Structures are given as structure tokens and as C-alpha cells.
Amino acid sequence: MKADQVLSDDLVSRLEGKIPAMAEGAINTAYINALAAGRSVMEVMDGKLVETTADGKHKVIRVAKPKHKVTLGGIIKVHRCS
């Protein structure tokens, strides 16, 4: 796209609507690539923090505790990013 082209609000909205699906695809790809490289991944399963290895084994590390309780559609204020 050329720098002098302006995107319409409708086009920006449609493009922004694709972000969640693109993010999900990137996460799934990273997960598969990590396991394919022989690494392990940490994930939450049934409220537990679990290490999954490339051979498919799962090791429970501990109970996963949420850092912040949020409600669906709630807003979280970030005071510090580091």
C-alpha cells in the first residue's frame, strides 16, 4: 500500500476484526513449532499449570492461580509495563 492512501473506517474495522483469528493461528503455530523442536511448553489444563513435552507427556507443576480476577468484558488498567 502506498503511503498516501487512506484506509476507510470500514476497512480498518474489517482488518481489526481479523486480529483475533490471526493471533490464535500464531499461538497454535508457536506451540507446534516448540514441540516439534523438542522443547516443552507450559499451559493451563483444568486449572493446573502443566508442562507438555514433545513426546506428549504432561507433568503437573502446580495449581494455576489467576493473578487478576476479571469479568467477561471487563477492563484492566495497566499501571506499569515491565
N, C-alpha and C. Protein backbone atom coordinates (compact mmCIF):
# COMPACT_ATOMS: atom_id res chain seq x y z
N MET A 1 0.84 -1.17 0.00
CA MET A 1 0.00 0.00 0.00
C MET A 1 0.89 1.24 0.00
N LYS A 2 0.50 2.20 -0.76
CA LYS A 2 1.27 3.44 -0.83
C LYS A 2 1.00 4.29 0.40
N ALA A 3 1.97 5.10 0.76
CA ALA A 3 1.87 5.93 1.96
C ALA A 3 0.76 6.97 1.86
N ASP A 4 0.44 7.40 0.66
CA ASP A 4 -0.57 8.45 0.51
C ASP A 4 -2.00 7.91 0.49
N GLN A 5 -2.18 6.59 0.54
CA GLN A 5 -3.52 6.02 0.56
C GLN A 5 -4.08 6.06 1.99
N VAL A 6 -5.36 6.37 2.08
CA VAL A 6 -6.02 6.45 3.38
C VAL A 6 -7.01 5.29 3.48
N LEU A 7 -6.99 4.60 4.59
CA LEU A 7 -7.92 3.49 4.81
C LEU A 7 -9.24 4.02 5.34
N SER A 8 -10.32 3.49 4.83
CA SER A 8 -11.63 3.89 5.33
C SER A 8 -11.87 3.26 6.70
N ASP A 9 -12.78 3.84 7.45
CA ASP A 9 -13.11 3.29 8.77
C ASP A 9 -13.64 1.87 8.65
N ASP A 10 -14.42 1.61 7.61
CA ASP A 10 -14.97 0.27 7.41
C ASP A 10 -13.86 -0.75 7.16
N LEU A 11 -12.90 -0.38 6.33
CA LEU A 11 -11.79 -1.29 6.04
C LEU A 11 -10.94 -1.54 7.28
N VAL A 12 -10.67 -0.50 8.04
CA VAL A 12 -9.90 -0.65 9.28
C VAL A 12 -10.64 -1.57 10.24
N SER A 13 -11.95 -1.40 10.35
CA SER A 13 -12.74 -2.25 11.24
C SER A 13 -12.70 -3.71 10.80
N ARG A 14 -12.80 -3.94 9.50
CA ARG A 14 -12.74 -5.32 9.00
C ARG A 14 -11.36 -5.93 9.24
N LEU A 15 -10.31 -5.15 9.02
CA LEU A 15 -8.96 -5.65 9.26
C LEU A 15 -8.73 -5.93 10.75
N GLU A 16 -9.21 -5.05 11.61
CA GLU A 16 -9.08 -5.26 13.05
C GLU A 16 -9.85 -6.49 13.50
N GLY A 17 -10.95 -6.78 12.82
CA GLY A 17 -11.74 -7.96 13.16
C GLY A 17 -11.01 -9.26 12.90
N LYS A 18 -10.00 -9.22 12.04
CA LYS A 18 -9.22 -10.42 11.73
C LYS A 18 -8.11 -10.68 12.74
N ILE A 19 -7.80 -9.72 13.59
CA ILE A 19 -6.68 -9.86 14.52
C ILE A 19 -6.83 -11.05 15.46
N PRO A 20 -7.99 -11.29 16.09
CA PRO A 20 -8.08 -12.45 16.99
C PRO A 20 -7.78 -13.78 16.31
N ALA A 21 -8.28 -13.98 15.10
CA ALA A 21 -8.02 -15.24 14.40
C ALA A 21 -6.55 -15.36 14.02
N MET A 22 -5.94 -14.25 13.63
CA MET A 22 -4.51 -14.27 13.30
C MET A 22 -3.67 -14.57 14.53
N ALA A 23 -4.04 -13.98 15.67
CA ALA A 23 -3.31 -14.23 16.91
C ALA A 23 -3.44 -15.68 17.33
N GLU A 24 -4.64 -16.23 17.21
CA GLU A 24 -4.85 -17.64 17.56
C GLU A 24 -4.00 -18.55 16.68
N GLY A 25 -3.94 -18.24 15.39
CA GLY A 25 -3.12 -19.02 14.48
C GLY A 25 -1.64 -18.94 14.83
N ALA A 26 -1.18 -17.75 15.21
CA ALA A 26 0.23 -17.58 15.59
C ALA A 26 0.56 -18.35 16.86
N ILE A 27 -0.36 -18.35 17.82
CA ILE A 27 -0.14 -19.09 19.07
C ILE A 27 -0.08 -20.58 18.79
N ASN A 28 -1.01 -21.08 17.98
CA ASN A 28 -1.00 -22.52 17.65
C ASN A 28 0.27 -22.91 16.91
N THR A 29 0.72 -22.07 16.00
CA THR A 29 1.94 -22.35 15.26
C THR A 29 3.15 -22.37 16.19
N ALA A 30 3.23 -21.41 17.10
CA ALA A 30 4.35 -21.37 18.05
C ALA A 30 4.34 -22.61 18.95
N TYR A 31 3.16 -23.04 19.38
CA TYR A 31 3.01 -24.23 20.22
C TYR A 31 3.54 -25.46 19.48
N ILE A 32 3.09 -25.64 18.25
CA ILE A 32 3.50 -26.80 17.45
C ILE A 32 5.00 -26.75 17.14
N ASN A 33 5.51 -25.57 16.80
CA ASN A 33 6.93 -25.43 16.50
C ASN A 33 7.80 -25.72 17.71
N ALA A 34 7.38 -25.28 18.89
CA ALA A 34 8.15 -25.55 20.11
C ALA A 34 8.22 -27.04 20.37
N LEU A 35 7.09 -27.73 20.26
CA LEU A 35 7.09 -29.18 20.49
C LEU A 35 7.88 -29.90 19.41
N ALA A 36 7.77 -29.46 18.16
CA ALA A 36 8.49 -30.10 17.06
C ALA A 36 10.00 -29.93 17.22
N ALA A 37 10.42 -28.86 17.88
CA ALA A 37 11.85 -28.62 18.10
C ALA A 37 12.37 -29.38 19.32
N GLY A 38 11.50 -30.18 19.95
CA GLY A 38 11.92 -30.96 21.10
C GLY A 38 11.86 -30.20 22.41
N ARG A 39 11.25 -29.05 22.41
CA ARG A 39 11.13 -28.25 23.63
C ARG A 39 9.83 -28.60 24.34
N SER A 40 9.67 -28.06 25.53
CA SER A 40 8.43 -28.26 26.26
C SER A 40 7.69 -26.92 26.32
N VAL A 41 6.39 -27.00 26.54
CA VAL A 41 5.57 -25.79 26.66
C VAL A 41 4.80 -25.85 27.97
N MET A 42 4.55 -24.69 28.53
CA MET A 42 3.75 -24.58 29.75
C MET A 42 2.36 -24.13 29.34
N GLU A 43 1.36 -24.78 29.90
CA GLU A 43 -0.02 -24.41 29.60
C GLU A 43 -0.90 -24.70 30.80
N VAL A 44 -2.07 -24.13 30.81
CA VAL A 44 -3.02 -24.36 31.88
C VAL A 44 -4.05 -25.37 31.39
N MET A 45 -4.19 -26.46 32.16
CA MET A 45 -5.17 -27.50 31.85
C MET A 45 -5.97 -27.79 33.11
N ASP A 46 -7.27 -27.65 33.03
CA ASP A 46 -8.15 -27.93 34.17
C ASP A 46 -7.70 -27.21 35.43
N GLY A 47 -7.28 -25.96 35.30
CA GLY A 47 -6.89 -25.17 36.46
C GLY A 47 -5.52 -25.49 37.02
N LYS A 48 -4.73 -26.27 36.28
CA LYS A 48 -3.39 -26.63 36.74
C LYS A 48 -2.37 -26.17 35.70
N LEU A 49 -1.21 -25.71 36.18
CA LEU A 49 -0.11 -25.37 35.30
C LEU A 49 0.61 -26.66 34.94
N VAL A 50 0.66 -26.96 33.64
CA VAL A 50 1.16 -28.25 33.16
C VAL A 50 2.29 -28.03 32.16
N GLU A 51 3.34 -28.83 32.28
CA GLU A 51 4.42 -28.83 31.30
C GLU A 51 4.14 -29.96 30.31
N THR A 52 4.04 -29.64 29.04
CA THR A 52 3.82 -30.63 28.00
C THR A 52 5.11 -30.79 27.21
N THR A 53 5.57 -32.03 27.08
CA THR A 53 6.81 -32.29 26.37
C THR A 53 6.52 -32.76 24.95
N ALA A 54 7.57 -32.82 24.15
CA ALA A 54 7.43 -33.19 22.74
C ALA A 54 6.89 -34.60 22.55
N ASP A 55 7.13 -35.48 23.53
CA ASP A 55 6.63 -36.86 23.40
C ASP A 55 5.19 -37.01 23.87
N GLY A 56 4.54 -35.89 24.23
CA GLY A 56 3.13 -35.91 24.59
C GLY A 56 2.84 -36.10 26.07
N LYS A 57 3.88 -36.20 26.88
CA LYS A 57 3.68 -36.38 28.32
C LYS A 57 3.35 -35.04 28.97
N HIS A 58 2.51 -35.12 30.01
CA HIS A 58 2.11 -33.93 30.76
C HIS A 58 2.59 -34.08 32.20
N LYS A 59 3.20 -33.03 32.73
CA LYS A 59 3.66 -33.03 34.12
C LYS A 59 3.02 -31.84 34.81
N VAL A 60 2.26 -32.11 35.87
CA VAL A 60 1.61 -31.03 36.62
C VAL A 60 2.67 -30.32 37.45
N ILE A 61 2.76 -29.02 37.29
CA ILE A 61 3.73 -28.21 38.03
C ILE A 61 3.10 -27.71 39.33
N ARG A 62 1.92 -27.11 39.23
CA ARG A 62 1.21 -26.63 40.41
C ARG A 62 -0.19 -26.19 39.99
N VAL A 63 -0.99 -25.85 40.96
CA VAL A 63 -2.31 -25.31 40.69
C VAL A 63 -2.12 -23.90 40.13
N ALA A 64 -2.81 -23.61 39.06
CA ALA A 64 -2.70 -22.28 38.44
C ALA A 64 -3.59 -21.31 39.20
N LYS A 65 -2.99 -20.24 39.65
CA LYS A 65 -3.75 -19.21 40.37
C LYS A 65 -3.84 -17.98 39.48
N PRO A 66 -5.04 -17.46 39.29
CA PRO A 66 -5.15 -16.25 38.47
C PRO A 66 -4.52 -15.06 39.18
N LYS A 67 -3.79 -14.25 38.44
CA LYS A 67 -3.17 -13.07 39.03
C LYS A 67 -4.22 -11.99 39.27
N HIS A 68 -5.17 -11.91 38.35
CA HIS A 68 -6.23 -10.91 38.47
C HIS A 68 -7.57 -11.58 38.18
N LYS A 69 -8.55 -11.31 38.99
CA LYS A 69 -9.89 -11.79 38.69
C LYS A 69 -10.55 -10.75 37.79
N VAL A 70 -11.07 -11.22 36.67
CA VAL A 70 -11.73 -10.32 35.73
C VAL A 70 -13.07 -10.91 35.33
N THR A 71 -13.94 -10.05 34.91
CA THR A 71 -15.22 -10.49 34.40
C THR A 71 -15.19 -10.35 32.88
N LEU A 72 -16.03 -11.12 32.23
CA LEU A 72 -16.11 -11.06 30.78
C LEU A 72 -16.47 -9.64 30.35
N GLY A 73 -15.66 -9.09 29.49
CA GLY A 73 -15.89 -7.73 29.01
C GLY A 73 -15.35 -6.66 29.94
N GLY A 74 -14.71 -7.09 31.04
CA GLY A 74 -14.16 -6.13 31.99
C GLY A 74 -12.93 -5.43 31.45
N ILE A 75 -12.56 -4.35 32.10
CA ILE A 75 -11.40 -3.57 31.68
C ILE A 75 -10.33 -3.67 32.76
N ILE A 76 -9.10 -3.92 32.32
CA ILE A 76 -7.97 -3.98 33.24
C ILE A 76 -7.10 -2.76 32.97
N LYS A 77 -6.77 -2.01 34.02
CA LYS A 77 -5.89 -0.86 33.87
C LYS A 77 -4.46 -1.33 34.14
N VAL A 78 -3.58 -1.03 33.20
CA VAL A 78 -2.18 -1.39 33.34
C VAL A 78 -1.43 -0.16 33.84
N HIS A 79 -0.82 -0.31 35.01
CA HIS A 79 -0.10 0.82 35.59
C HIS A 79 1.37 0.82 35.21
N ARG A 80 1.91 -0.40 34.94
CA ARG A 80 3.33 -0.49 34.66
C ARG A 80 3.55 -1.63 33.68
N CYS A 81 4.36 -1.42 32.71
CA CYS A 81 4.72 -2.45 31.74
C CYS A 81 6.21 -2.72 31.85
N SER A 82 6.55 -3.83 32.48
CA SER A 82 7.96 -4.21 32.57
C SER A 82 8.10 -5.66 32.90
